[in-house]
PDB file of N, CA and C in Angstrom:
ATOM      1  N   MET A   1      99.777  96.280  84.370  1.00  0.00           N
ATOM      2  CA  MET A   1     101.045  96.895  84.750  1.00  0.00           C
ATOM      3  C   MET A   1     101.163  96.911  86.279  1.00  0.00           C
ATOM      4  N   GLU A   2     102.334  96.652  86.759  1.00  0.00           N
ATOM      5  CA  GLU A   2     102.575  96.719  88.199  1.00  0.00           C
ATOM      6  C   GLU A   2     103.242  98.045  88.547  1.00  0.00           C
ATOM      7  N   TYR A   3     102.881  98.560  89.690  1.00  0.00           N
ATOM      8  CA  TYR A   3     103.417  99.844  90.140  1.00  0.00           C
ATOM      9  C   TYR A   3     104.201  99.636  91.430  1.00  0.00           C
ATOM     10  N   ILE A   4     105.209 100.455  91.607  1.00  0.00           N
ATOM     11  CA  ILE A   4     105.959 100.435  92.862  1.00  0.00           C
ATOM     12  C   ILE A   4     105.241 101.382  93.813  1.00  0.00           C
ATOM     13  N   ILE A   5     104.634 100.806  94.830  1.00  0.00           N
ATOM     14  CA  ILE A   5     103.842 101.583  95.778  1.00  0.00           C
ATOM     15  C   ILE A   5     104.566 101.592  97.116  1.00  0.00           C
ATOM     16  N   THR A   6     104.612 102.768  97.721  1.00  0.00           N
ATOM     17  CA  THR A   6     105.264 102.907  99.012  1.00  0.00           C
ATOM     18  C   THR A   6     104.289 103.496 100.028  1.00  0.00           C
ATOM     19  N   HIS A   7     104.584 103.232 101.279  1.00  0.00           N
ATOM     20  CA  HIS A   7     103.794 103.796 102.374  1.00  0.00           C
ATOM     21  C   HIS A   7     104.554 105.003 102.903  1.00  0.00           C
ATOM     22  N   ASN A   8     104.068 106.167 102.603  1.00  0.00           N
ATOM     23  CA  ASN A   8     104.673 107.406 103.067  1.00  0.00           C
ATOM     24  C   ASN A   8     103.975 107.780 104.379  1.00  0.00           C
ATOM     25  N   GLN A   9     104.496 107.259 105.479  1.00  0.00           N
ATOM     26  CA  GLN A   9     103.863 107.482 106.780  1.00  0.00           C
ATOM     27  C   GLN A   9     103.874 108.955 107.178  1.00  0.00           C
ATOM     28  N   LYS A  10     104.913 109.657 106.802  1.00  0.00           N
ATOM     29  CA  LYS A  10     105.013 111.078 107.152  1.00  0.00           C
ATOM     30  C   LYS A  10     103.864 111.881 106.535  1.00  0.00           C
ATOM     31  N   ALA A  11     103.483 111.517 105.303  1.00  0.00           N
ATOM     32  CA  ALA A  11     102.397 112.213 104.614  1.00  0.00           C
ATOM     33  C   ALA A  11     101.049 111.512 104.798  1.00  0.00           C
ATOM     34  N   SER A  12     101.024 110.399 105.533  1.00  0.00           N
ATOM     35  CA  SER A  12      99.810 109.605 105.769  1.00  0.00           C
ATOM     36  C   SER A  12      99.144 109.189 104.461  1.00  0.00           C
ATOM     37  N   ARG A  13      99.944 108.540 103.612  1.00  0.00           N
ATOM     38  CA  ARG A  13      99.372 108.076 102.355  1.00  0.00           C
ATOM     39  C   ARG A  13     100.215 106.952 101.748  1.00  0.00           C
ATOM     40  N   PHE A  14      99.570 106.220 100.856  1.00  0.00           N
ATOM     41  CA  PHE A  14     100.222 105.211 100.043  1.00  0.00           C
ATOM     42  C   PHE A  14     100.344 105.842  98.668  1.00  0.00           C
ATOM     43  N   GLU A  15     101.537 105.763  98.072  1.00  0.00           N
ATOM     44  CA  GLU A  15     101.752 106.515  96.835  1.00  0.00           C
ATOM     45  C   GLU A  15     102.616 105.764  95.839  1.00  0.00           C
ATOM     46  N   THR A  16     102.509 106.208  94.595  1.00  0.00           N
ATOM     47  CA  THR A  16     103.348 105.702  93.528  1.00  0.00           C
ATOM     48  C   THR A  16     103.693 106.861  92.602  1.00  0.00           C
ATOM     49  N   ILE A  17     104.829 106.765  91.961  1.00  0.00           N
ATOM     50  CA  ILE A  17     105.249 107.785  90.994  1.00  0.00           C
ATOM     51  C   ILE A  17     105.276 107.119  89.635  1.00  0.00           C
ATOM     52  N   VAL A  18     104.523 107.685  88.703  1.00  0.00           N
ATOM     53  CA  VAL A  18     104.450 107.162  87.343  1.00  0.00           C
ATOM     54  C   VAL A  18     104.681 108.331  86.388  1.00  0.00           C
ATOM     55  N   GLY A  19     105.673 108.197  85.533  1.00  0.00           N
ATOM     56  CA  GLY A  19     105.958 109.277  84.588  1.00  0.00           C
ATOM     57  C   GLY A  19     106.273 110.589  85.272  1.00  0.00           C
ATOM     58  N   GLY A  20     106.889 110.517  86.440  1.00  0.00           N
ATOM     59  CA  GLY A  20     107.254 111.720  87.174  1.00  0.00           C
ATOM     60  C   GLY A  20     106.106 112.368  87.939  1.00  0.00           C
ATOM     61  N   GLN A  21     104.925 111.727  87.932  1.00  0.00           N
ATOM     62  CA  GLN A  21     103.770 112.289  88.634  1.00  0.00           C
ATOM     63  C   GLN A  21     103.368 111.362  89.778  1.00  0.00           C
ATOM     64  N   VAL A  22     102.904 111.956  90.863  1.00  0.00           N
ATOM     65  CA  VAL A  22     102.538 111.194  92.054  1.00  0.00           C
ATOM     66  C   VAL A  22     101.034 110.944  92.088  1.00  0.00           C
ATOM     67  N   ALA A  23     100.678 109.698  92.363  1.00  0.00           N
ATOM     68  CA  ALA A  23      99.295 109.313  92.611  1.00  0.00           C
ATOM     69  C   ALA A  23      99.258 108.742  94.025  1.00  0.00           C
ATOM     70  N   TYR A  24      98.140 108.896  94.730  1.00  0.00           N
ATOM     71  CA  TYR A  24      98.113 108.454  96.119  1.00  0.00           C
ATOM     72  C   TYR A  24      96.699 108.205  96.627  1.00  0.00           C
ATOM     73  N   THR A  25      96.641 107.464  97.711  1.00  0.00           N
ATOM     74  CA  THR A  25      95.428 107.365  98.523  1.00  0.00           C
ATOM     75  C   THR A  25      95.856 107.754  99.930  1.00  0.00           C
ATOM     76  N   GLU A  26      95.160 108.708 100.510  1.00  0.00           N
ATOM     77  CA  GLU A  26      95.585 109.207 101.810  1.00  0.00           C
ATOM     78  C   GLU A  26      94.599 108.819 102.897  1.00  0.00           C
ATOM     79  N   TYR A  27      95.106 108.843 104.114  1.00  0.00           N
ATOM     80  CA  TYR A  27      94.317 108.399 105.257  1.00  0.00           C
ATOM     81  C   TYR A  27      94.616 109.262 106.476  1.00  0.00           C
ATOM     82  N   THR A  28      93.750 109.102 107.456  1.00  0.00           N
ATOM     83  CA  THR A  28      93.955 109.659 108.781  1.00  0.00           C
ATOM     84  C   THR A  28      94.009 108.472 109.730  1.00  0.00           C
ATOM     85  N   SER A  29      94.978 108.457 110.602  1.00  0.00           N
ATOM     86  CA  SER A  29      95.058 107.388 111.603  1.00  0.00           C
ATOM     87  C   SER A  29      93.984 107.607 112.655  1.00  0.00           C
ATOM     88  N   VAL A  30      93.273 106.541 112.959  1.00  0.00           N
ATOM     89  CA  VAL A  30      92.271 106.559 114.022  1.00  0.00           C
ATOM     90  C   VAL A  30      92.582 105.381 114.940  1.00  0.00           C
ATOM     91  N   GLU A  31      92.010 105.369 116.102  1.00  0.00           N
ATOM     92  CA  GLU A  31      92.299 104.290 117.053  1.00  0.00           C
ATOM     93  C   GLU A  31      91.978 102.926 116.426  1.00  0.00           C
ATOM     94  N   GLY A  32      93.008 102.133 116.245  1.00  0.00           N
ATOM     95  CA  GLY A  32      92.834 100.786 115.713  1.00  0.00           C
ATOM     96  C   GLY A  32      92.658 100.689 114.214  1.00  0.00           C
ATOM     97  N   GLY A  33      92.827 101.810 113.508  1.00  0.00           N
ATOM     98  CA  GLY A  33      92.599 101.719 112.076  1.00  0.00           C
ATOM     99  C   GLY A  33      93.025 102.925 111.268  1.00  0.00           C
ATOM    100  N   LEU A  34      92.570 102.906 110.020  1.00  0.00           N
ATOM    101  CA  LEU A  34      92.879 103.964 109.059  1.00  0.00           C
ATOM    102  C   LEU A  34      91.585 104.435 108.412  1.00  0.00           C
ATOM    103  N   GLU A  35      91.391 105.733 108.395  1.00  0.00           N
ATOM    104  CA  GLU A  35      90.237 106.331 107.732  1.00  0.00           C
ATOM    105  C   GLU A  35      90.719 106.900 106.395  1.00  0.00           C
ATOM    106  N   PHE A  36      90.312 106.272 105.308  1.00  0.00           N
ATOM    107  CA  PHE A  36      90.760 106.705 103.977  1.00  0.00           C
ATOM    108  C   PHE A  36      89.890 107.865 103.506  1.00  0.00           C
ATOM    109  N   THR A  37      90.556 108.985 103.241  1.00  0.00           N
ATOM    110  CA  THR A  37      89.836 110.225 102.967  1.00  0.00           C
ATOM    111  C   THR A  37      89.877 110.684 101.516  1.00  0.00           C
ATOM    112  N   HIS A  38      90.899 110.279 100.766  1.00  0.00           N
ATOM    113  CA  HIS A  38      91.024 110.806  99.404  1.00  0.00           C
ATOM    114  C   HIS A  38      91.961 109.932  98.584  1.00  0.00           C
ATOM    115  N   THR A  39      91.603 109.724  97.335  1.00  0.00           N
ATOM    116  CA  THR A  39      92.470 109.033  96.383  1.00  0.00           C
ATOM    117  C   THR A  39      92.616 109.955  95.185  1.00  0.00           C
ATOM    118  N   TRP A  40      93.849 110.140  94.720  1.00  0.00           N
ATOM    119  CA  TRP A  40      94.088 111.071  93.621  1.00  0.00           C
ATOM    120  C   TRP A  40      95.071 110.491  92.621  1.00  0.00           C
ATOM    121  N   VAL A  41      94.682 110.577  91.347  1.00  0.00           N
ATOM    122  CA  VAL A  41      95.539 110.162  90.239  1.00  0.00           C
ATOM    123  C   VAL A  41      95.539 111.315  89.242  1.00  0.00           C
ATOM    124  N   PRO A  42      96.725 111.775  88.809  1.00  0.00           N
ATOM    125  CA  PRO A  42      96.768 112.860  87.825  1.00  0.00           C
ATOM    126  C   PRO A  42      95.979 112.491  86.562  1.00  0.00           C
ATOM    127  N   GLU A  43      95.344 113.462  85.985  1.00  0.00           N
ATOM    128  CA  GLU A  43      94.488 113.242  84.813  1.00  0.00           C
ATOM    129  C   GLU A  43      95.201 112.470  83.701  1.00  0.00           C
ATOM    130  N   LYS A  44      96.450 112.785  83.451  1.00  0.00           N
ATOM    131  CA  LYS A  44      97.206 112.104  82.389  1.00  0.00           C
ATOM    132  C   LYS A  44      97.393 110.613  82.659  1.00  0.00           C
ATOM    133  N   LEU A  45      97.237 110.194  83.920  1.00  0.00           N
ATOM    134  CA  LEU A  45      97.451 108.797  84.289  1.00  0.00           C
ATOM    135  C   LEU A  45      96.158 108.022  84.500  1.00  0.00           C
ATOM    136  N   GLU A  46      95.026 108.667  84.324  1.00  0.00           N
ATOM    137  CA  GLU A  46      93.748 108.001  84.545  1.00  0.00           C
ATOM    138  C   GLU A  46      93.561 106.848  83.555  1.00  0.00           C
ATOM    139  N   GLY A  47      92.821 105.846  83.983  1.00  0.00           N
ATOM    140  CA  GLY A  47      92.514 104.713  83.124  1.00  0.00           C
ATOM    141  C   GLY A  47      93.578 103.626  83.102  1.00  0.00           C
ATOM    142  N   LYS A  48      94.540 103.705  84.007  1.00  0.00           N
ATOM    143  CA  LYS A  48      95.632 102.728  84.046  1.00  0.00           C
ATOM    144  C   LYS A  48      95.568 101.861  85.303  1.00  0.00           C
ATOM    145  N   ASP A  49      94.439 101.854  85.973  1.00  0.00           N
ATOM    146  CA  ASP A  49      94.226 101.066  87.197  1.00  0.00           C
ATOM    147  C   ASP A  49      95.171 101.433  88.336  1.00  0.00           C
ATOM    148  N   ILE A  50      95.682 102.649  88.312  1.00  0.00           N
ATOM    149  CA  ILE A  50      96.606 103.079  89.367  1.00  0.00           C
ATOM    150  C   ILE A  50      95.871 103.221  90.700  1.00  0.00           C
ATOM    151  N   ALA A  51      94.697 103.816  90.679  1.00  0.00           N
ATOM    152  CA  ALA A  51      93.942 104.001  91.923  1.00  0.00           C
ATOM    153  C   ALA A  51      93.610 102.648  92.550  1.00  0.00           C
ATOM    154  N   SER A  52      93.217 101.692  91.734  1.00  0.00           N
ATOM    155  CA  SER A  52      92.906 100.361  92.250  1.00  0.00           C
ATOM    156  C   SER A  52      94.143  99.703  92.856  1.00  0.00           C
ATOM    157  N   ALA A  53      95.278  99.851  92.204  1.00  0.00           N
ATOM    158  CA  ALA A  53      96.525  99.276  92.722  1.00  0.00           C
ATOM    159  C   ALA A  53      96.889  99.902  94.066  1.00  0.00           C
ATOM    160  N   LEU A  54      96.709 101.212  94.178  1.00  0.00           N
ATOM    161  CA  LEU A  54      96.999 101.899  95.432  1.00  0.00           C
ATOM    162  C   LEU A  54      96.097 101.408  96.560  1.00  0.00           C
ATOM    163  N   VAL A  55      94.818 101.320  96.287  1.00  0.00           N
ATOM    164  CA  VAL A  55      93.869 100.921  97.322  1.00  0.00           C
ATOM    165  C   VAL A  55      94.077  99.450  97.696  1.00  0.00           C
ATOM    166  N   LYS A  56      94.350  98.595  96.724  1.00  0.00           N
ATOM    167  CA  LYS A  56      94.634  97.189  97.024  1.00  0.00           C
ATOM    168  C   LYS A  56      95.841  97.089  97.952  1.00  0.00           C
ATOM    169  N   PHE A  57      96.895  97.826  97.640  1.00  0.00           N
ATOM    170  CA  PHE A  57      98.095  97.829  98.480  1.00  0.00           C
ATOM    171  C   PHE A  57      97.737  98.284  99.895  1.00  0.00           C
ATOM    172  N   ALA A  58      96.952  99.346  99.998  1.00  0.00           N
ATOM    173  CA  ALA A  58      96.552  99.882 101.305  1.00  0.00           C
ATOM    174  C   ALA A  58      95.697  98.880 102.077  1.00  0.00           C
ATOM    175  N   MET A  59      94.789  98.184 101.396  1.00  0.00           N
ATOM    176  CA  MET A  59      93.945  97.202 102.063  1.00  0.00           C
ATOM    177  C   MET A  59      94.775  96.006 102.541  1.00  0.00           C
ATOM    178  N   ASP A  60      95.746  95.593 101.741  1.00  0.00           N
ATOM    179  CA  ASP A  60      96.635  94.508 102.163  1.00  0.00           C
ATOM    180  C   ASP A  60      97.447  94.930 103.391  1.00  0.00           C
ATOM    181  N   TYR A  61      97.896  96.174 103.387  1.00  0.00           N
ATOM    182  CA  TYR A  61      98.638  96.698 104.542  1.00  0.00           C
ATOM    183  C   TYR A  61      97.765  96.669 105.794  1.00  0.00           C
ATOM    184  N   ALA A  62      96.529  97.143 105.659  1.00  0.00           N
ATOM    185  CA  ALA A  62      95.610  97.178 106.794  1.00  0.00           C
ATOM    186  C   ALA A  62      95.353  95.762 107.313  1.00  0.00           C
ATOM    187  N   ARG A  63      95.143  94.833 106.403  1.00  0.00           N
ATOM    188  CA  ARG A  63      94.886  93.443 106.798  1.00  0.00           C
ATOM    189  C   ARG A  63      96.094  92.858 107.529  1.00  0.00           C
ATOM    190  N   GLU A  64      97.278  93.050 106.972  1.00  0.00           N
ATOM    191  CA  GLU A  64      98.508  92.507 107.564  1.00  0.00           C
ATOM    192  C   GLU A  64      98.793  93.090 108.949  1.00  0.00           C
ATOM    193  N   ASN A  65      98.298  94.291 109.201  1.00  0.00           N
ATOM    194  CA  ASN A  65      98.551  94.964 110.473  1.00  0.00           C
ATOM    195  C   ASN A  65      97.320  94.999 111.382  1.00  0.00           C
ATOM    196  N   ASN A  66      96.322  94.205 111.034  1.00  0.00           N
ATOM    197  CA  ASN A  66      95.087  94.103 111.833  1.00  0.00           C
ATOM    198  C   ASN A  66      94.465  95.465 112.116  1.00  0.00           C
ATOM    199  N   LEU A  67      94.386  96.293 111.097  1.00  0.00           N
ATOM    200  CA  LEU A  67      93.798  97.623 111.224  1.00  0.00           C
ATOM    201  C   LEU A  67      92.418  97.638 110.594  1.00  0.00           C
ATOM    202  N   LYS A  68      91.474  98.276 111.252  1.00  0.00           N
ATOM    203  CA  LYS A  68      90.160  98.434 110.636  1.00  0.00           C
ATOM    204  C   LYS A  68      90.260  99.527 109.585  1.00  0.00           C
ATOM    205  N   VAL A  69      89.384  99.465 108.604  1.00  0.00           N
ATOM    206  CA  VAL A  69      89.368 100.434 107.504  1.00  0.00           C
ATOM    207  C   VAL A  69      88.055 101.192 107.545  1.00  0.00           C
ATOM    208  N   ILE A  70      88.166 102.506 107.497  1.00  0.00           N
ATOM    209  CA  ILE A  70      86.985 103.371 107.423  1.00  0.00           C
ATOM    210  C   ILE A  70      87.058 104.064 106.062  1.00  0.00           C
ATOM    211  N   PRO A  71      86.197 103.650 105.117  1.00  0.00           N
ATOM    212  CA  PRO A  71      86.262 104.197 103.766  1.00  0.00           C
ATOM    213  C   PRO A  71      85.406 105.458 103.587  1.00  0.00           C
ATOM    214  N   VAL A  72      85.998 106.610 103.788  1.00  0.00           N
ATOM    215  CA  VAL A  72      85.306 107.876 103.566  1.00  0.00           C
ATOM    216  C   VAL A  72      85.409 108.261 102.087  1.00  0.00           C
ATOM    217  N   CYS A  73      86.538 107.988 101.485  1.00  0.00           N
ATOM    218  CA  CYS A  73      86.782 108.288 100.071  1.00  0.00           C
ATOM    219  C   CYS A  73      85.824 107.467  99.198  1.00  0.00           C
ATOM    220  N   PRO A  74      85.114 108.105  98.267  1.00  0.00           N
ATOM    221  CA  PRO A  74      84.190 107.379  97.391  1.00  0.00           C
ATOM    222  C   PRO A  74      84.872 106.268  96.583  1.00  0.00           C
ATOM    223  N   PHE A  75      86.096 106.492  96.148  1.00  0.00           N
ATOM    224  CA  PHE A  75      86.774 105.455  95.372  1.00  0.00           C
ATOM    225  C   PHE A  75      87.069 104.239  96.246  1.00  0.00           C
ATOM    226  N   VAL A  76      87.509 104.463  97.467  1.00  0.00           N
ATOM    227  CA  VAL A  76      87.795 103.353  98.371  1.00  0.00           C
ATOM    228  C   VAL A  76      86.506 102.600  98.680  1.00  0.00           C
ATOM    229  N   LYS A  77      85.414 103.319  98.900  1.00  0.00           N
ATOM    230  CA  LYS A  77      84.118 102.674  99.141  1.00  0.00           C
ATOM    231  C   LYS A  77      83.742 101.775  97.972  1.00  0.00           C
ATOM    232  N   ALA A  78      83.854 102.291  96.755  1.00  0.00           N
ATOM    233  CA  ALA A  78      83.503 101.525  95.559  1.00  0.00           C
ATOM    234  C   ALA A  78      84.416 100.310  95.395  1.00  0.00           C
ATOM    235  N   PHE A  79      85.698 100.482  95.676  1.00  0.00           N
ATOM    236  CA  PHE A  79      86.652  99.375  95.585  1.00  0.00           C
ATOM    237  C   PHE A  79      86.249  98.256  96.530  1.00  0.00           C
ATOM    238  N   LEU A  80      85.897  98.607  97.764  1.00  0.00           N
ATOM    239  CA  LEU A  80      85.537  97.596  98.753  1.00  0.00           C
ATOM    240  C   LEU A  80      84.231  96.891  98.404  1.00  0.00           C
ATOM    241  N   LEU A  81      83.302  97.584  97.790  1.00  0.00           N
ATOM    242  CA  LEU A  81      82.063  96.944  97.349  1.00  0.00           C
ATOM    243  C   LEU A  81      82.337  95.930  96.236  1.00  0.00           C
ATOM    244  N   LYS A  82      83.285  96.245  95.391  1.00  0.00           N
ATOM    245  CA  LYS A  82      83.638  95.383  94.261  1.00  0.00           C
ATOM    246  C   LYS A  82      84.539  94.226  94.696  1.00  0.00           C
ATOM    247  N   HIS A  83      85.384  94.455  95.678  1.00  0.00           N
ATOM    248  CA  HIS A  83      86.358  93.465  96.140  1.00  0.00           C
ATOM    249  C   HIS A  83      85.981  93.001  97.547  1.00  0.00           C
ATOM    250  N   THR A  84      85.018  92.119  97.597  1.00  0.00           N
ATOM    251  CA  THR A  84      84.458  91.682  98.884  1.00  0.00           C
ATOM    252  C   THR A  84      85.440  90.867  99.710  1.00  0.00           C
ATOM    253  N   GLU A  85      86.551  90.432  99.132  1.00  0.00           N
ATOM    254  CA  GLU A  85      87.541  89.681  99.911  1.00  0.00           C
ATOM    255  C   GLU A  85      88.181  90.541 100.998  1.00  0.00           C
ATOM    256  N   TYR A  86      87.978  91.860 100.951  1.00  0.00           N
ATOM    257  CA  TYR A  86      88.542  92.747 101.974  1.00  0.00           C
ATOM    258  C   TYR A  86      87.562  93.071 103.098  1.00  0.00           C
ATOM    259  N   LYS A  87      86.399  92.471 103.083  1.00  0.00           N
ATOM    260  CA  LYS A  87      85.417  92.737 104.146  1.00  0.00           C
ATOM    261  C   LYS A  87      85.800  92.034 105.418  1.00  0.00           C
TER     262      LYS A  87
END
């Protein structure tokens, strides 16, 4: 399934709304990059690859904008270990 993901710069996160619920991966801006601190998907939406879609979108954004990524969030760390094309 594809999700409509947006970059909510005001809230410092990439997010999607599914079934009226918001899922997101949030970051803190640092010099030259983004420090990803938390990824959250409502319990009812778990198991639908939403977190992976959010992080992929965020990594593509970082790549397109030449931003370094600092993965503090455990999910983002695991995603990057699994998806070595983002190294």
